[in-house]
C-alpha cells in the first residue's frame, strides 16, 4: 500500500458516454464509464485498497494526449494507445490484463483463449474475475473478450457499449 498520493482526474465525452480518467504521477490507472459524480464512490473504494491517503486533483492538462488518442480511436484513426500506465492489482490480474493488451485490434478472444495464453488453462473463472476488475477499459481491451460460444458476455460498461466498441473496431478492420 502506498503511503499517500495525488490522484489526478478529468472527464471526457465519448460516443459511448462520459468517461472518467484517473492517473497517478506515474501514469494512467483507471478509466471508468460515467461522469465523476457517477463513479466517484467506486473510484474511492478502489483507491482505499492501494493508498493510505488520497487527494483528488482536477488536472485536464495531464490528460490532453490521452483524450486526443481516445478521440482518434472513436474516429477510426487509431488502433493502439501510447500512454504510460500505472496498474494496481494482484500479479494474476496483471498477467490477465497484459493478455488483454495482446488481443489484436478488431479481433476477439474467449476467456478460455486468455487462460491458455497465460498458461492457466483451468483458470477460466478466475480469468473472468480478473477481466471484470480491469481498471483500464478500452486501453486494455476487455471488450474483445467473448464467451466460448461467441456470445457477448460481461462488460463493466454494459453490453451495449461492448457491442459498440466491437462494431467500431470491426468496421475499421474491414475497411483497412
N, C-alpha and C. Protein backbone atom coordinates (compact mmCIF):
# COMPACT_ATOMS: atom_id res chain seq x y z
N UNK A 1 0.85 -1.18 0.00
CA UNK A 1 0.00 0.00 0.00
C UNK A 1 0.89 1.24 0.00
N UNK A 2 0.61 2.16 -0.87
CA UNK A 2 1.36 3.40 -0.98
C UNK A 2 0.90 4.36 0.11
N UNK A 3 1.89 5.04 0.70
CA UNK A 3 1.61 5.91 1.84
C UNK A 3 0.55 6.98 1.55
N UNK A 4 0.74 7.73 0.52
CA UNK A 4 -0.21 8.78 0.17
C UNK A 4 0.03 9.18 -1.26
N UNK A 5 -0.99 9.71 -1.88
CA UNK A 5 -0.83 10.02 -3.28
C UNK A 5 -1.86 11.02 -3.75
N UNK A 6 -1.44 11.77 -4.77
CA UNK A 6 -2.38 12.58 -5.51
C UNK A 6 -2.95 11.70 -6.61
N UNK A 7 -4.23 11.78 -6.81
CA UNK A 7 -4.88 11.10 -7.93
C UNK A 7 -5.46 12.19 -8.81
N UNK A 8 -4.95 12.25 -10.03
CA UNK A 8 -5.35 13.27 -10.98
C UNK A 8 -6.53 12.74 -11.79
N UNK A 9 -7.48 13.60 -12.09
CA UNK A 9 -8.65 13.14 -12.82
C UNK A 9 -9.12 14.17 -13.84
N UNK A 10 -9.87 13.67 -14.78
CA UNK A 10 -10.60 14.51 -15.72
C UNK A 10 -11.73 13.67 -16.29
N UNK A 11 -12.64 14.32 -16.96
CA UNK A 11 -13.76 13.65 -17.60
C UNK A 11 -13.73 13.98 -19.09
N UNK A 12 -14.32 13.10 -19.89
CA UNK A 12 -14.49 13.41 -21.31
C UNK A 12 -15.76 12.76 -21.82
N UNK A 13 -16.33 13.39 -22.82
CA UNK A 13 -17.47 12.80 -23.51
C UNK A 13 -16.94 11.90 -24.61
N UNK A 14 -17.66 10.81 -24.85
CA UNK A 14 -17.28 9.88 -25.91
C UNK A 14 -18.56 9.35 -26.55
N UNK A 15 -18.43 8.69 -27.70
CA UNK A 15 -19.61 8.10 -28.33
C UNK A 15 -20.30 7.03 -27.48
N UNK A 16 -19.62 6.51 -26.47
CA UNK A 16 -20.24 5.51 -25.59
C UNK A 16 -20.60 6.11 -24.23
N UNK A 17 -20.63 7.43 -24.17
CA UNK A 17 -20.99 8.11 -22.94
C UNK A 17 -19.79 8.73 -22.25
N UNK A 18 -20.04 9.39 -21.13
CA UNK A 18 -18.94 10.04 -20.41
C UNK A 18 -17.95 9.02 -19.87
N UNK A 19 -16.68 9.43 -19.85
CA UNK A 19 -15.61 8.62 -19.27
C UNK A 19 -14.91 9.45 -18.21
N UNK A 20 -14.56 8.83 -17.10
CA UNK A 20 -13.77 9.49 -16.07
C UNK A 20 -12.39 8.86 -16.08
N UNK A 21 -11.37 9.70 -16.20
CA UNK A 21 -9.97 9.28 -16.31
C UNK A 21 -9.27 9.57 -14.99
N UNK A 22 -8.43 8.64 -14.56
CA UNK A 22 -7.74 8.78 -13.28
C UNK A 22 -6.29 8.36 -13.46
N UNK A 23 -5.36 9.15 -12.92
CA UNK A 23 -3.93 8.84 -13.05
C UNK A 23 -3.20 9.20 -11.77
N UNK A 24 -2.09 8.52 -11.58
CA UNK A 24 -1.12 8.90 -10.54
C UNK A 24 -0.02 9.69 -11.25
N UNK A 25 0.99 10.09 -10.51
CA UNK A 25 2.12 10.76 -11.13
C UNK A 25 2.90 9.81 -12.05
N UNK A 26 2.70 8.50 -11.88
CA UNK A 26 3.40 7.51 -12.71
C UNK A 26 2.68 7.19 -14.01
N UNK A 27 1.36 7.36 -14.05
CA UNK A 27 0.64 7.06 -15.27
C UNK A 27 -0.84 6.83 -15.05
N UNK A 28 -1.52 6.52 -16.14
CA UNK A 28 -2.96 6.27 -16.13
C UNK A 28 -3.27 5.02 -15.32
N UNK A 29 -4.24 5.11 -14.40
CA UNK A 29 -4.55 3.94 -13.56
C UNK A 29 -6.00 3.49 -13.66
N UNK A 30 -6.91 4.34 -14.16
CA UNK A 30 -8.31 3.92 -14.29
C UNK A 30 -9.00 4.72 -15.39
N UNK A 31 -9.92 4.04 -16.06
CA UNK A 31 -10.92 4.69 -16.91
C UNK A 31 -12.24 4.06 -16.51
N UNK A 32 -13.17 4.90 -16.10
CA UNK A 32 -14.48 4.40 -15.70
C UNK A 32 -15.56 4.98 -16.60
N UNK A 33 -16.55 4.16 -16.90
CA UNK A 33 -17.71 4.60 -17.68
C UNK A 33 -18.61 5.39 -16.76
N UNK A 34 -18.85 6.64 -17.12
CA UNK A 34 -19.72 7.51 -16.34
C UNK A 34 -19.00 8.79 -15.97
N UNK A 35 -19.77 9.76 -15.52
CA UNK A 35 -19.20 11.02 -15.06
C UNK A 35 -18.57 10.80 -13.68
N UNK A 36 -17.76 11.76 -13.26
CA UNK A 36 -17.13 11.66 -11.95
C UNK A 36 -18.19 11.47 -10.86
N UNK A 37 -19.28 12.18 -10.96
CA UNK A 37 -20.35 12.05 -9.97
C UNK A 37 -20.85 10.60 -9.92
N UNK A 38 -20.95 9.95 -11.09
CA UNK A 38 -21.45 8.57 -11.17
C UNK A 38 -20.46 7.55 -10.60
N UNK A 39 -19.17 7.81 -10.75
CA UNK A 39 -18.16 6.78 -10.44
C UNK A 39 -17.29 7.11 -9.23
N UNK A 40 -17.50 8.25 -8.62
CA UNK A 40 -16.62 8.69 -7.53
C UNK A 40 -16.55 7.70 -6.38
N UNK A 41 -17.68 7.15 -5.96
CA UNK A 41 -17.64 6.21 -4.83
C UNK A 41 -16.89 4.94 -5.21
N UNK A 42 -17.07 4.46 -6.45
CA UNK A 42 -16.35 3.27 -6.92
C UNK A 42 -14.84 3.54 -6.98
N UNK A 43 -14.45 4.74 -7.47
CA UNK A 43 -13.04 5.08 -7.54
C UNK A 43 -12.44 5.23 -6.15
N UNK A 44 -13.19 5.81 -5.23
CA UNK A 44 -12.68 5.99 -3.86
C UNK A 44 -12.52 4.63 -3.18
N UNK A 45 -13.47 3.73 -3.36
CA UNK A 45 -13.35 2.38 -2.80
C UNK A 45 -12.10 1.69 -3.36
N UNK A 46 -11.89 1.80 -4.67
CA UNK A 46 -10.69 1.23 -5.30
C UNK A 46 -9.43 1.86 -4.71
N UNK A 47 -9.38 3.18 -4.63
CA UNK A 47 -8.18 3.89 -4.17
C UNK A 47 -7.82 3.53 -2.73
N UNK A 48 -8.81 3.30 -1.91
CA UNK A 48 -8.53 2.97 -0.50
C UNK A 48 -7.84 1.62 -0.35
N UNK A 49 -7.96 0.75 -1.38
CA UNK A 49 -7.26 -0.54 -1.35
C UNK A 49 -5.76 -0.37 -1.55
N UNK A 50 -5.35 0.70 -2.24
CA UNK A 50 -3.96 0.84 -2.66
C UNK A 50 -3.23 2.03 -2.07
N UNK A 51 -3.96 3.00 -1.50
CA UNK A 51 -3.33 4.21 -0.97
C UNK A 51 -3.85 4.48 0.44
N UNK A 52 -2.94 4.83 1.34
CA UNK A 52 -3.36 5.17 2.70
C UNK A 52 -4.10 6.50 2.73
N UNK A 53 -3.62 7.43 1.92
CA UNK A 53 -4.23 8.76 1.86
C UNK A 53 -4.32 9.16 0.39
N UNK A 54 -5.46 9.69 -0.01
CA UNK A 54 -5.61 10.15 -1.39
C UNK A 54 -6.12 11.57 -1.42
N UNK A 55 -5.65 12.29 -2.40
CA UNK A 55 -6.16 13.63 -2.64
C UNK A 55 -6.42 13.74 -4.14
N UNK A 56 -7.68 14.03 -4.50
CA UNK A 56 -8.05 14.15 -5.90
C UNK A 56 -7.72 15.56 -6.40
N UNK A 57 -7.13 15.61 -7.60
CA UNK A 57 -6.77 16.89 -8.21
C UNK A 57 -7.31 16.89 -9.64
N UNK A 58 -8.15 17.87 -9.94
CA UNK A 58 -8.65 18.01 -11.31
C UNK A 58 -7.50 18.54 -12.16
N UNK A 59 -7.10 17.77 -13.18
CA UNK A 59 -5.91 18.10 -13.96
C UNK A 59 -6.14 17.83 -15.45
N UNK A 60 -6.98 18.63 -16.10
CA UNK A 60 -7.28 18.39 -17.52
C UNK A 60 -6.04 18.34 -18.41
N UNK A 61 -5.06 19.19 -18.14
CA UNK A 61 -3.86 19.22 -18.98
C UNK A 61 -3.11 17.89 -18.97
N UNK A 62 -3.15 17.18 -17.87
CA UNK A 62 -2.46 15.90 -17.75
C UNK A 62 -3.06 14.84 -18.70
N UNK A 63 -4.29 15.02 -19.09
CA UNK A 63 -4.99 14.02 -19.90
C UNK A 63 -5.16 14.44 -21.37
N UNK A 64 -4.56 15.53 -21.75
CA UNK A 64 -4.74 16.05 -23.11
C UNK A 64 -4.35 15.01 -24.16
N UNK A 65 -3.19 14.39 -24.03
CA UNK A 65 -2.73 13.40 -25.01
C UNK A 65 -3.65 12.18 -25.02
N UNK A 66 -4.02 11.68 -23.86
CA UNK A 66 -4.91 10.52 -23.78
C UNK A 66 -6.25 10.82 -24.42
N UNK A 67 -6.81 11.99 -24.13
CA UNK A 67 -8.11 12.35 -24.69
C UNK A 67 -8.03 12.45 -26.21
N UNK A 68 -6.92 12.97 -26.71
CA UNK A 68 -6.73 13.03 -28.16
C UNK A 68 -6.68 11.62 -28.75
N UNK A 69 -5.95 10.72 -28.08
CA UNK A 69 -5.86 9.33 -28.56
C UNK A 69 -7.22 8.64 -28.52
N UNK A 70 -7.98 8.87 -27.47
CA UNK A 70 -9.31 8.27 -27.39
C UNK A 70 -10.22 8.84 -28.48
N UNK A 71 -10.16 10.14 -28.71
CA UNK A 71 -10.95 10.74 -29.80
C UNK A 71 -10.57 10.12 -31.14
N UNK A 72 -9.27 9.92 -31.36
CA UNK A 72 -8.80 9.29 -32.60
C UNK A 72 -9.30 7.85 -32.70
N UNK A 73 -9.29 7.13 -31.60
CA UNK A 73 -9.80 5.76 -31.57
C UNK A 73 -11.27 5.74 -31.98
N UNK A 74 -12.07 6.60 -31.36
CA UNK A 74 -13.50 6.63 -31.65
C UNK A 74 -13.79 7.14 -33.07
N UNK A 75 -12.82 7.83 -33.68
CA UNK A 75 -12.98 8.32 -35.06
C UNK A 75 -12.33 7.38 -36.07
N UNK A 76 -11.97 6.19 -35.63
CA UNK A 76 -11.34 5.18 -36.50
C UNK A 76 -10.01 5.65 -37.08
N UNK A 77 -9.27 6.45 -36.33
CA UNK A 77 -7.96 6.91 -36.77
C UNK A 77 -6.83 6.34 -35.94
N UNK A 78 -7.16 5.48 -34.97
CA UNK A 78 -6.14 4.91 -34.08
C UNK A 78 -6.59 3.52 -33.67
N UNK A 79 -5.62 2.58 -33.65
CA UNK A 79 -5.96 1.23 -33.21
C UNK A 79 -5.09 0.74 -32.05
N UNK A 80 -4.24 1.61 -31.53
CA UNK A 80 -3.46 1.29 -30.34
C UNK A 80 -3.17 2.58 -29.57
N UNK A 81 -2.88 2.42 -28.30
CA UNK A 81 -2.67 3.58 -27.44
C UNK A 81 -1.22 3.64 -26.98
N UNK A 82 -0.74 4.86 -26.87
CA UNK A 82 0.62 5.10 -26.38
C UNK A 82 0.50 5.98 -25.15
N UNK A 83 0.38 5.33 -24.03
CA UNK A 83 0.18 6.06 -22.78
C UNK A 83 0.85 5.27 -21.65
N UNK A 84 1.47 5.99 -20.74
CA UNK A 84 2.12 5.36 -19.59
C UNK A 84 1.05 4.88 -18.61
N UNK A 85 1.15 3.61 -18.20
CA UNK A 85 0.17 3.02 -17.29
C UNK A 85 0.76 2.83 -15.90
N UNK A 86 -0.09 2.88 -14.91
CA UNK A 86 0.26 2.59 -13.51
C UNK A 86 -0.82 1.67 -12.98
N UNK A 87 -0.61 0.36 -13.15
CA UNK A 87 -1.63 -0.63 -12.82
C UNK A 87 -1.52 -1.11 -11.38
N UNK A 88 -2.68 -1.28 -10.76
CA UNK A 88 -2.77 -1.80 -9.39
C UNK A 88 -3.68 -3.01 -9.41
N UNK A 89 -3.15 -4.14 -8.99
CA UNK A 89 -3.91 -5.38 -8.94
C UNK A 89 -2.98 -6.50 -8.53
N UNK A 90 -3.54 -7.67 -8.36
CA UNK A 90 -2.74 -8.83 -7.99
C UNK A 90 -1.85 -9.22 -9.17
N UNK A 91 -0.80 -10.00 -8.91
CA UNK A 91 0.03 -10.48 -10.02
C UNK A 91 -0.79 -11.24 -11.07
N UNK A 92 -1.76 -12.05 -10.61
CA UNK A 92 -2.60 -12.78 -11.55
C UNK A 92 -3.42 -11.81 -12.41
N UNK A 93 -4.06 -10.82 -11.78
CA UNK A 93 -4.84 -9.84 -12.52
C UNK A 93 -3.97 -9.13 -13.55
N UNK A 94 -2.78 -8.74 -13.15
CA UNK A 94 -1.91 -8.02 -14.07
C UNK A 94 -1.49 -8.90 -15.25
N UNK A 95 -1.31 -10.18 -15.00
CA UNK A 95 -0.99 -11.11 -16.10
C UNK A 95 -2.16 -11.19 -17.08
N UNK A 96 -3.37 -11.25 -16.55
CA UNK A 96 -4.57 -11.28 -17.40
C UNK A 96 -4.69 -9.97 -18.18
N UNK A 97 -4.47 -8.84 -17.50
CA UNK A 97 -4.60 -7.55 -18.17
C UNK A 97 -3.58 -7.39 -19.29
N UNK A 98 -2.38 -7.93 -19.09
CA UNK A 98 -1.38 -7.90 -20.15
C UNK A 98 -1.86 -8.72 -21.34
N UNK A 99 -2.48 -9.87 -21.07
CA UNK A 99 -3.02 -10.70 -22.15
C UNK A 99 -4.12 -9.94 -22.91
N UNK A 100 -4.90 -9.13 -22.22
CA UNK A 100 -5.91 -8.31 -22.89
C UNK A 100 -5.24 -7.36 -23.88
N UNK A 101 -4.15 -6.76 -23.45
CA UNK A 101 -3.43 -5.80 -24.30
C UNK A 101 -2.87 -6.48 -25.55
N UNK A 102 -2.68 -7.78 -25.50
CA UNK A 102 -2.13 -8.53 -26.63
C UNK A 102 -3.19 -8.96 -27.65
N UNK A 103 -4.48 -8.75 -27.35
CA UNK A 103 -5.53 -9.12 -28.31
C UNK A 103 -5.50 -8.09 -29.45
N UNK A 104 -5.27 -8.52 -30.67
CA UNK A 104 -5.18 -7.56 -31.78
C UNK A 104 -6.47 -6.77 -31.99
N UNK A 105 -6.31 -5.55 -32.41
CA UNK A 105 -7.42 -4.67 -32.75
C UNK A 105 -8.33 -5.37 -33.75
N UNK A 106 -9.63 -5.30 -33.49
CA UNK A 106 -10.60 -5.87 -34.42
C UNK A 106 -10.82 -7.36 -34.27
N UNK A 107 -10.13 -7.99 -33.32
CA UNK A 107 -10.28 -9.43 -33.09
C UNK A 107 -10.86 -9.66 -31.70
N UNK A 108 -11.32 -10.88 -31.46
CA UNK A 108 -11.83 -11.25 -30.14
C UNK A 108 -11.14 -12.52 -29.68
N UNK A 109 -11.20 -12.75 -28.38
CA UNK A 109 -10.70 -13.97 -27.76
C UNK A 109 -11.70 -14.40 -26.70
N UNK A 110 -11.77 -15.69 -26.45
CA UNK A 110 -12.63 -16.19 -25.38
C UNK A 110 -11.86 -16.17 -24.06
N UNK A 111 -12.60 -16.34 -22.98
CA UNK A 111 -11.95 -16.43 -21.67
C UNK A 111 -11.00 -17.62 -21.66
N UNK A 112 -11.39 -18.70 -22.32
CA UNK A 112 -10.53 -19.88 -22.40
C UNK A 112 -9.25 -19.55 -23.18
N UNK A 113 -9.36 -18.78 -24.25
CA UNK A 113 -8.17 -18.36 -25.00
C UNK A 113 -7.21 -17.59 -24.10
N UNK A 114 -7.76 -16.72 -23.27
CA UNK A 114 -6.93 -15.95 -22.34
C UNK A 114 -6.27 -16.89 -21.34
N UNK A 115 -7.03 -17.84 -20.83
CA UNK A 115 -6.47 -18.81 -19.88
C UNK A 115 -5.30 -19.56 -20.51
N UNK A 116 -5.47 -19.97 -21.74
CA UNK A 116 -4.38 -20.68 -22.43
C UNK A 116 -3.19 -19.76 -22.67
N UNK A 117 -3.46 -18.51 -23.02
CA UNK A 117 -2.38 -17.55 -23.30
C UNK A 117 -1.51 -17.30 -22.08
N UNK A 118 -2.10 -17.34 -20.89
CA UNK A 118 -1.29 -17.09 -19.68
C UNK A 118 -0.88 -18.40 -19.00
N UNK A 119 -1.09 -19.50 -19.71
CA UNK A 119 -0.70 -20.83 -19.24
C UNK A 119 -1.39 -21.22 -17.93
N UNK A 120 -2.68 -20.92 -17.88
CA UNK A 120 -3.51 -21.29 -16.73
C UNK A 120 -4.83 -21.85 -17.27
N UNK A 121 -4.77 -22.99 -17.98
CA UNK A 121 -5.93 -23.48 -18.71
C UNK A 121 -7.15 -23.81 -17.86
N UNK A 122 -6.97 -24.03 -16.56
CA UNK A 122 -8.11 -24.35 -15.70
C UNK A 122 -8.64 -23.14 -14.95
N UNK A 123 -8.11 -21.98 -15.27
CA UNK A 123 -8.46 -20.77 -14.51
C UNK A 123 -9.46 -19.88 -15.24
N UNK A 124 -10.33 -20.47 -16.04
CA UNK A 124 -11.25 -19.68 -16.85
C UNK A 124 -12.13 -18.78 -15.98
N UNK A 125 -12.63 -19.29 -14.87
CA UNK A 125 -13.46 -18.46 -13.97
C UNK A 125 -12.66 -17.33 -13.36
N UNK A 126 -11.45 -17.64 -12.94
CA UNK A 126 -10.59 -16.60 -12.37
C UNK A 126 -10.25 -15.54 -13.43
N UNK A 127 -10.11 -15.98 -14.68
CA UNK A 127 -9.86 -15.05 -15.78
C UNK A 127 -11.04 -14.08 -15.87
N UNK A 128 -12.25 -14.62 -15.80
CA UNK A 128 -13.44 -13.78 -15.84
C UNK A 128 -13.43 -12.74 -14.72
N UNK A 129 -13.02 -13.16 -13.53
CA UNK A 129 -12.95 -12.23 -12.41
C UNK A 129 -11.92 -11.13 -12.64
N UNK A 130 -10.77 -11.51 -13.19
CA UNK A 130 -9.71 -10.51 -13.45
C UNK A 130 -10.13 -9.56 -14.57
N UNK A 131 -10.78 -10.09 -15.60
CA UNK A 131 -11.26 -9.24 -16.69
C UNK A 131 -12.28 -8.25 -16.14
N UNK A 132 -13.15 -8.71 -15.26
CA UNK A 132 -14.16 -7.85 -14.64
C UNK A 132 -13.52 -6.71 -13.84
N UNK A 133 -12.34 -6.94 -13.29
CA UNK A 133 -11.66 -5.93 -12.47
C UNK A 133 -10.72 -5.05 -13.30
N UNK A 134 -10.71 -5.23 -14.61
CA UNK A 134 -9.84 -4.43 -15.49
C UNK A 134 -10.09 -2.94 -15.24
N UNK A 135 -9.06 -2.21 -14.79
CA UNK A 135 -9.26 -0.80 -14.48
C UNK A 135 -9.17 0.12 -15.69
N UNK A 136 -8.73 -0.41 -16.83
CA UNK A 136 -8.48 0.46 -17.97
C UNK A 136 -9.25 0.02 -19.21
N UNK A 137 -10.55 0.06 -19.07
CA UNK A 137 -11.44 -0.23 -20.19
C UNK A 137 -10.98 0.54 -21.41
N UNK A 138 -11.09 -0.04 -22.55
CA UNK A 138 -10.70 0.47 -23.86
C UNK A 138 -9.19 0.35 -24.06
N UNK A 139 -8.38 0.87 -23.15
CA UNK A 139 -6.93 0.80 -23.29
C UNK A 139 -6.47 -0.66 -23.18
N UNK A 140 -6.93 -1.37 -22.17
CA UNK A 140 -6.73 -2.82 -22.04
C UNK A 140 -8.06 -3.42 -22.48
N UNK A 141 -8.16 -3.85 -23.72
CA UNK A 141 -9.44 -4.07 -24.38
C UNK A 141 -10.22 -5.31 -23.93
N UNK A 142 -10.79 -5.23 -22.74
CA UNK A 142 -11.61 -6.34 -22.24
C UNK A 142 -12.89 -6.50 -23.07
N UNK A 143 -13.26 -5.48 -23.83
CA UNK A 143 -14.43 -5.61 -24.70
C UNK A 143 -14.19 -6.64 -25.79
N UNK A 144 -12.93 -7.01 -26.03
CA UNK A 144 -12.60 -8.01 -27.05
C UNK A 144 -12.70 -9.44 -26.53
N UNK A 145 -13.09 -9.61 -25.27
CA UNK A 145 -13.22 -10.95 -24.69
C UNK A 145 -14.70 -11.34 -24.75
N UNK A 146 -14.94 -12.51 -25.33
CA UNK A 146 -16.31 -13.00 -25.54
C UNK A 146 -16.43 -14.42 -24.96
N UNK A 147 -17.64 -14.90 -24.89
CA UNK A 147 -17.87 -16.26 -24.44
C UNK A 147 -17.35 -17.27 -25.46
N UNK A 148 -17.12 -18.49 -25.01
CA UNK A 148 -16.58 -19.52 -25.90
C UNK A 148 -17.53 -19.86 -27.05
N UNK A 149 -18.81 -19.54 -26.88
CA UNK A 149 -19.79 -19.77 -27.94
C UNK A 149 -19.95 -18.56 -28.86
N UNK A 150 -19.10 -17.54 -28.65
CA UNK A 150 -19.15 -16.34 -29.48
C UNK A 150 -20.09 -15.27 -28.97
N UNK A 151 -20.78 -15.54 -27.86
CA UNK A 151 -21.74 -14.57 -27.32
C UNK A 151 -21.02 -13.42 -26.60
N UNK A 152 -21.65 -12.25 -26.67
CA UNK A 152 -21.14 -11.11 -25.91
C UNK A 152 -21.57 -11.31 -24.47
N UNK A 153 -20.60 -11.42 -23.60
CA UNK A 153 -20.88 -11.61 -22.17
C UNK A 153 -20.05 -10.63 -21.37
N UNK A 154 -20.59 -10.21 -20.25
CA UNK A 154 -19.90 -9.41 -19.27
C UNK A 154 -19.09 -8.24 -19.80
N UNK A 155 -19.46 -7.05 -19.41
CA UNK A 155 -18.66 -5.86 -19.66
C UNK A 155 -19.09 -4.83 -18.65
N UNK A 156 -18.14 -4.30 -17.89
CA UNK A 156 -18.46 -3.37 -16.81
C UNK A 156 -19.22 -2.15 -17.32
N UNK A 157 -18.96 -1.76 -18.56
CA UNK A 157 -19.66 -0.61 -19.14
C UNK A 157 -21.01 -0.95 -19.72
N UNK A 158 -21.37 -2.24 -19.70
CA UNK A 158 -22.64 -2.68 -20.26
C UNK A 158 -22.44 -3.28 -21.66
N UNK A 159 -23.29 -4.23 -21.98
CA UNK A 159 -23.15 -4.94 -23.25
C UNK A 159 -23.37 -4.03 -24.46
N UNK A 160 -24.19 -2.99 -24.34
CA UNK A 160 -24.38 -2.07 -25.47
C UNK A 160 -23.08 -1.36 -25.82
N UNK A 161 -22.33 -0.95 -24.81
CA UNK A 161 -21.04 -0.30 -25.06
C UNK A 161 -20.05 -1.30 -25.66
N UNK A 162 -20.06 -2.51 -25.14
CA UNK A 162 -19.17 -3.54 -25.67
C UNK A 162 -19.45 -3.77 -27.15
N UNK A 163 -20.71 -3.89 -27.48
CA UNK A 163 -21.10 -4.11 -28.87
C UNK A 163 -20.69 -2.93 -29.74
N UNK A 164 -20.85 -1.71 -29.23
CA UNK A 164 -20.45 -0.52 -29.98
C UNK A 164 -18.95 -0.54 -30.27
N UNK A 165 -18.14 -0.86 -29.25
CA UNK A 165 -16.69 -0.88 -29.43
C UNK A 165 -16.27 -1.96 -30.42
N UNK A 166 -16.87 -3.13 -30.32
CA UNK A 166 -16.53 -4.21 -31.26
C UNK A 166 -16.95 -3.85 -32.68
N UNK A 167 -18.12 -3.23 -32.85
CA UNK A 167 -18.56 -2.80 -34.17
C UNK A 167 -17.62 -1.74 -34.75
N UNK A 168 -17.23 -0.79 -33.92
CA UNK A 168 -16.31 0.26 -34.35
C UNK A 168 -15.00 -0.36 -34.86
N UNK A 169 -14.45 -1.29 -34.09
CA UNK A 169 -13.19 -1.92 -34.48
C UNK A 169 -13.36 -2.80 -35.71
N UNK A 170 -14.48 -3.49 -35.79
CA UNK A 170 -14.72 -4.36 -36.95
C UNK A 170 -14.82 -3.53 -38.23
N UNK A 171 -15.53 -2.41 -38.16
CA UNK A 171 -15.67 -1.54 -39.35
C UNK A 171 -14.30 -1.03 -39.81
N UNK A 172 -13.44 -0.64 -38.86
CA UNK A 172 -12.11 -0.15 -39.25
C UNK A 172 -11.27 -1.29 -39.81
N UNK A 173 -11.33 -2.46 -39.17
CA UNK A 173 -10.53 -3.59 -39.63
C UNK A 173 -10.94 -4.02 -41.03
N UNK A 174 -12.23 -3.98 -41.32
CA UNK A 174 -12.74 -4.38 -42.63
C UNK A 174 -12.35 -3.36 -43.70
N UNK A 175 -12.35 -2.06 -43.33
CA UNK A 175 -12.05 -1.03 -44.31
C UNK A 175 -10.55 -0.83 -44.54
N UNK A 176 -9.73 -1.42 -43.68
CA UNK A 176 -8.26 -1.24 -43.79
C UNK A 176 -7.67 -2.15 -44.85
